[in-house]
Amino acid sequence: MSMDLGGAKGGVKSDINVTPLVDVMLVLLIIMMLVAPMLQKGVDVRLPQAANTVDKPETQDQTILSITADRRFYVNSVQVADTELLNRVQSAVDQAGGDRIVLIKGDEDAPYSSIMQVMDELRRVGIEDVGLVVDRRLRAGLGGAR
């Protein structure tokens, strides 16, 4: 058996095999495509629908307070007890800097009284700018058929 070292025939032939690199990159791409929507989803809340809404630009420094149908509270997708809700909201607003705006994502089955109570408490601690997040609907009229 002999081994060709390429000496007299023009040097060593070396080919770069890019197939493993492409395989790894495709796997990473698939993982990113699967994980990215999960990171943006936040808390699963069925939002009420409204026809006449105003779109606000979405920014990274917004404080989002989610209220589920069974009255659980989340500040920026982190569950908090109702006893520490105001402290967590205030610290999240302070960390966000800029405007002191809180967006409330209340589940459509959440008690109206709990959402109003939270809005009242936010005003009491000095947070005046409160927005309600809704899904835009296309049908017109009040209490339209589902």
C-alpha atoms as a PDB file:
ATOM      1  CA  MET A   1       0.000   0.000   0.000  1.00  0.00           C
ATOM      2  CA  SER A   2       1.272   3.405  -0.820  1.00  0.00           C
ATOM      3  CA  MET A   3       0.190   6.814   0.299  1.00  0.00           C
ATOM      4  CA  ASP A   4       0.060   9.786  -2.029  1.00  0.00           C
ATOM      5  CA  LEU A   5       1.493  12.815  -0.280  1.00  0.00           C
ATOM      6  CA  GLY A   6       1.095  14.912  -3.387  1.00  0.00           C
ATOM      7  CA  GLY A   7       4.785  15.806  -3.602  1.00  0.00           C
ATOM      8  CA  ALA A   8       5.524  15.620  -7.335  1.00  0.00           C
ATOM      9  CA  LYS A   9       1.963  15.946  -8.557  1.00  0.00           C
ATOM     10  CA  GLY A  10       1.266  19.499  -7.439  1.00  0.00           C
ATOM     11  CA  GLY A  11       0.640  19.626  -3.685  1.00  0.00           C
ATOM     12  CA  VAL A  12      -1.863  18.402  -1.148  1.00  0.00           C
ATOM     13  CA  LYS A  13      -5.501  18.446  -2.175  1.00  0.00           C
ATOM     14  CA  SER A  14      -7.747  19.654   0.573  1.00  0.00           C
ATOM     15  CA  ASP A  15     -11.456  20.201   0.116  1.00  0.00           C
ATOM     16  CA  ILE A  16     -13.524  21.908   2.765  1.00  0.00           C
ATOM     17  CA  ASN A  17     -16.606  19.860   3.497  1.00  0.00           C
ATOM     18  CA  VAL A  18     -19.395  22.364   4.206  1.00  0.00           C
ATOM     19  CA  THR A  19     -22.172  19.799   4.588  1.00  0.00           C
ATOM     20  CA  PRO A  20     -21.838  19.521   8.405  1.00  0.00           C
ATOM     21  CA  LEU A  21     -21.790  23.315   8.675  1.00  0.00           C
ATOM     22  CA  VAL A  22     -24.968  23.605   6.615  1.00  0.00           C
ATOM     23  CA  ASP A  23     -26.624  20.881   8.709  1.00  0.00           C
ATOM     24  CA  VAL A  24     -25.812  22.675  11.962  1.00  0.00           C
ATOM     25  CA  MET A  25     -26.977  26.036  10.611  1.00  0.00           C
ATOM     26  CA  LEU A  26     -30.290  24.574   9.429  1.00  0.00           C
ATOM     27  CA  VAL A  27     -30.902  22.962  12.816  1.00  0.00           C
ATOM     28  CA  LEU A  28     -30.175  26.292  14.542  1.00  0.00           C
ATOM     29  CA  LEU A  29     -32.518  28.080  12.142  1.00  0.00           C
ATOM     30  CA  ILE A  30     -35.318  25.611  12.867  1.00  0.00           C
ATOM     31  CA  ILE A  31     -34.799  25.975  16.619  1.00  0.00           C
ATOM     32  CA  MET A  32     -34.927  29.767  16.357  1.00  0.00           C
ATOM     33  CA  MET A  33     -38.095  29.595  14.259  1.00  0.00           C
ATOM     34  CA  LEU A  34     -39.775  27.424  16.884  1.00  0.00           C
ATOM     35  CA  VAL A  35     -38.603  29.353  19.945  1.00  0.00           C
ATOM     36  CA  ALA A  36     -39.139  32.937  18.724  1.00  0.00           C
ATOM     37  CA  PRO A  37     -42.975  32.860  18.767  1.00  0.00           C
ATOM     38  CA  MET A  38     -42.928  31.326  22.250  1.00  0.00           C
ATOM     39  CA  LEU A  39     -40.810  34.168  23.591  1.00  0.00           C
ATOM     40  CA  GLN A  40     -43.148  36.831  22.251  1.00  0.00           C
ATOM     41  CA  LYS A  41     -46.362  35.185  23.315  1.00  0.00           C
ATOM     42  CA  GLY A  42     -46.318  36.148  26.983  1.00  0.00           C
ATOM     43  CA  VAL A  43     -49.413  35.245  28.995  1.00  0.00           C
ATOM     44  CA  ASP A  44     -52.283  33.468  27.265  1.00  0.00           C
ATOM     45  CA  VAL A  45     -55.171  35.899  27.590  1.00  0.00           C
ATOM     46  CA  ARG A  46     -58.282  36.038  25.397  1.00  0.00           C
ATOM     47  CA  LEU A  47     -58.566  39.734  24.683  1.00  0.00           C
ATOM     48  CA  PRO A  48     -61.925  41.457  24.261  1.00  0.00           C
ATOM     49  CA  GLN A  49     -62.733  42.750  20.796  1.00  0.00           C
ATOM     50  CA  ALA A  50     -63.281  46.364  19.762  1.00  0.00           C
ATOM     51  CA  ALA A  51     -63.986  47.957  16.404  1.00  0.00           C
ATOM     52  CA  ASN A  52     -62.820  51.531  16.992  1.00  0.00           C
ATOM     53  CA  THR A  53     -59.278  51.266  18.280  1.00  0.00           C
ATOM     54  CA  VAL A  54     -56.135  53.338  17.980  1.00  0.00           C
ATOM     55  CA  ASP A  55     -52.889  51.581  17.138  1.00  0.00           C
ATOM     56  CA  LYS A  56     -49.959  52.496  19.337  1.00  0.00           C
ATOM     57  CA  PRO A  57     -46.398  51.629  18.375  1.00  0.00           C
ATOM     58  CA  GLU A  58     -45.017  48.693  20.309  1.00  0.00           C
ATOM     59  CA  THR A  59     -41.810  49.396  22.211  1.00  0.00           C
ATOM     60  CA  GLN A  60     -39.503  47.296  24.360  1.00  0.00           C
ATOM     61  CA  ASP A  61     -39.928  49.487  27.442  1.00  0.00           C
ATOM     62  CA  GLN A  62     -43.681  49.025  27.819  1.00  0.00           C
ATOM     63  CA  THR A  63     -45.021  47.630  31.069  1.00  0.00           C
ATOM     64  CA  ILE A  64     -47.720  45.043  30.398  1.00  0.00           C
ATOM     65  CA  LEU A  65     -50.056  43.936  33.170  1.00  0.00           C
ATOM     66  CA  SER A  66     -52.047  40.808  32.274  1.00  0.00           C
ATOM     67  CA  ILE A  67     -55.159  39.707  34.163  1.00  0.00           C
ATOM     68  CA  THR A  68     -56.466  36.200  33.485  1.00  0.00           C
ATOM     69  CA  ALA A  69     -60.050  35.009  33.766  1.00  0.00           C
ATOM     70  CA  ASP A  70     -59.307  33.354  37.117  1.00  0.00           C
ATOM     71  CA  ARG A  71     -57.852  36.640  38.478  1.00  0.00           C
ATOM     72  CA  ARG A  72     -54.134  35.838  38.242  1.00  0.00           C
ATOM     73  CA  PHE A  73     -51.829  38.789  37.654  1.00  0.00           C
ATOM     74  CA  TYR A  74     -48.715  38.921  35.470  1.00  0.00           C
ATOM     75  CA  VAL A  75     -46.320  41.846  35.111  1.00  0.00           C
ATOM     76  CA  ASN A  76     -44.351  41.515  31.866  1.00  0.00           C
ATOM     77  CA  SER A  77     -45.193  37.765  31.714  1.00  0.00           C
ATOM     78  CA  VAL A  78     -44.049  37.088  35.308  1.00  0.00           C
ATOM     79  CA  GLN A  79     -46.788  35.950  37.680  1.00  0.00           C
ATOM     80  CA  VAL A  80     -47.137  38.059  40.824  1.00  0.00           C
ATOM     81  CA  ALA A  81     -49.341  37.796  43.885  1.00  0.00           C
ATOM     82  CA  ASP A  82     -52.028  40.444  44.170  1.00  0.00           C
ATOM     83  CA  THR A  83     -50.469  41.667  47.426  1.00  0.00           C
ATOM     84  CA  GLU A  84     -47.247  42.648  45.651  1.00  0.00           C
ATOM     85  CA  LEU A  85     -48.825  43.719  42.355  1.00  0.00           C
ATOM     86  CA  LEU A  86     -48.428  47.480  42.784  1.00  0.00           C
ATOM     87  CA  ASN A  87     -44.811  47.221  43.927  1.00  0.00           C
ATOM     88  CA  ARG A  88     -43.933  45.049  40.928  1.00  0.00           C
ATOM     89  CA  VAL A  89     -45.727  47.360  38.488  1.00  0.00           C
ATOM     90  CA  GLN A  90     -43.998  50.425  39.934  1.00  0.00           C
ATOM     91  CA  SER A  91     -40.567  48.807  39.750  1.00  0.00           C
ATOM     92  CA  ALA A  92     -41.234  47.648  36.162  1.00  0.00           C
ATOM     93  CA  VAL A  93     -42.320  51.160  35.165  1.00  0.00           C
ATOM     94  CA  ASP A  94     -39.254  52.676  36.842  1.00  0.00           C
ATOM     95  CA  GLN A  95     -36.945  50.201  35.082  1.00  0.00           C
ATOM     96  CA  ALA A  96     -38.574  50.935  31.729  1.00  0.00           C
ATOM     97  CA  GLY A  97     -37.848  54.625  32.122  1.00  0.00           C
ATOM     98  CA  GLY A  98     -39.398  57.190  29.816  1.00  0.00           C
ATOM     99  CA  ASP A  99     -43.182  57.319  29.926  1.00  0.00           C
ATOM    100  CA  ARG A 100     -45.050  55.895  32.884  1.00  0.00           C
ATOM    101  CA  ILE A 101     -47.504  53.924  30.751  1.00  0.00           C
ATOM    102  CA  VAL A 102     -49.043  50.601  31.749  1.00  0.00           C
ATOM    103  CA  LEU A 103     -50.912  48.472  29.223  1.00  0.00           C
ATOM    104  CA  ILE A 104     -53.549  46.168  30.704  1.00  0.00           C
ATOM    105  CA  LYS A 105     -54.288  42.907  28.892  1.00  0.00           C
ATOM    106  CA  GLY A 106     -57.462  41.788  30.608  1.00  0.00           C
ATOM    107  CA  ASP A 107     -59.004  38.471  29.600  1.00  0.00           C
ATOM    108  CA  GLU A 108     -62.484  38.965  28.165  1.00  0.00           C
ATOM    109  CA  ASP A 109     -63.813  36.623  30.875  1.00  0.00           C
ATOM    110  CA  ALA A 110     -62.007  38.460  33.694  1.00  0.00           C
ATOM    111  CA  PRO A 111     -64.338  40.244  36.106  1.00  0.00           C
ATOM    112  CA  TYR A 112     -64.803  43.886  35.148  1.00  0.00           C
ATOM    113  CA  SER A 113     -64.497  44.817  38.813  1.00  0.00           C
ATOM    114  CA  SER A 114     -60.977  43.377  39.070  1.00  0.00           C
ATOM    115  CA  ILE A 115     -59.772  45.368  36.056  1.00  0.00           C
ATOM    116  CA  MET A 116     -61.321  48.575  37.388  1.00  0.00           C
ATOM    117  CA  GLN A 117     -59.851  47.916  40.839  1.00  0.00           C
ATOM    118  CA  VAL A 118     -56.371  47.544  39.325  1.00  0.00           C
ATOM    119  CA  MET A 119     -56.805  50.740  37.285  1.00  0.00           C
ATOM    120  CA  ASP A 120     -57.927  52.593  40.412  1.00  0.00           C
ATOM    121  CA  GLU A 121     -54.912  51.337  42.389  1.00  0.00           C
ATOM    122  CA  LEU A 122     -52.548  52.353  39.570  1.00  0.00           C
ATOM    123  CA  ARG A 123     -53.960  55.888  39.622  1.00  0.00           C
ATOM    124  CA  ARG A 124     -53.619  55.978  43.404  1.00  0.00           C
ATOM    125  CA  VAL A 125     -49.856  55.331  43.165  1.00  0.00           C
ATOM    126  CA  GLY A 126     -49.377  57.946  40.441  1.00  0.00           C
ATOM    127  CA  ILE A 127     -49.622  55.957  37.218  1.00  0.00           C
ATOM    128  CA  GLU A 128     -52.149  57.934  35.187  1.00  0.00           C
ATOM    129  CA  ASP A 129     -51.467  56.635  31.669  1.00  0.00           C
ATOM    130  CA  VAL A 130     -53.205  53.269  31.432  1.00  0.00           C
ATOM    131  CA  GLY A 131     -54.162  51.592  28.174  1.00  0.00           C
ATOM    132  CA  LEU A 132     -56.385  48.599  27.540  1.00  0.00           C
ATOM    133  CA  VAL A 133     -55.190  46.066  24.957  1.00  0.00           C
ATOM    134  CA  VAL A 134     -57.918  44.633  22.707  1.00  0.00           C
ATOM    135  CA  ASP A 135     -58.248  42.570  19.539  1.00  0.00           C
ATOM    136  CA  ARG A 136     -59.531  44.568  16.601  1.00  0.00           C
ATOM    137  CA  ARG A 137     -62.778  43.212  15.197  1.00  0.00           C
ATOM    138  CA  LEU A 138     -64.301  43.856  11.800  1.00  0.00           C
ATOM    139  CA  ARG A 139     -68.011  43.579  12.510  1.00  0.00           C
ATOM    140  CA  ALA A 140     -69.896  46.656  13.616  1.00  0.00           C
ATOM    141  CA  GLY A 141     -72.464  47.167  16.321  1.00  0.00           C
ATOM    142  CA  LEU A 142     -72.604  46.603  20.040  1.00  0.00           C
ATOM    143  CA  GLY A 143     -72.758  43.059  21.333  1.00  0.00           C
ATOM    144  CA  GLY A 144     -72.406  41.530  17.874  1.00  0.00           C
ATOM    145  CA  ALA A 145     -72.842  37.817  17.389  1.00  0.00           C
ATOM    146  CA  ARG A 146     -69.812  35.658  18.050  1.00  0.00           C
END
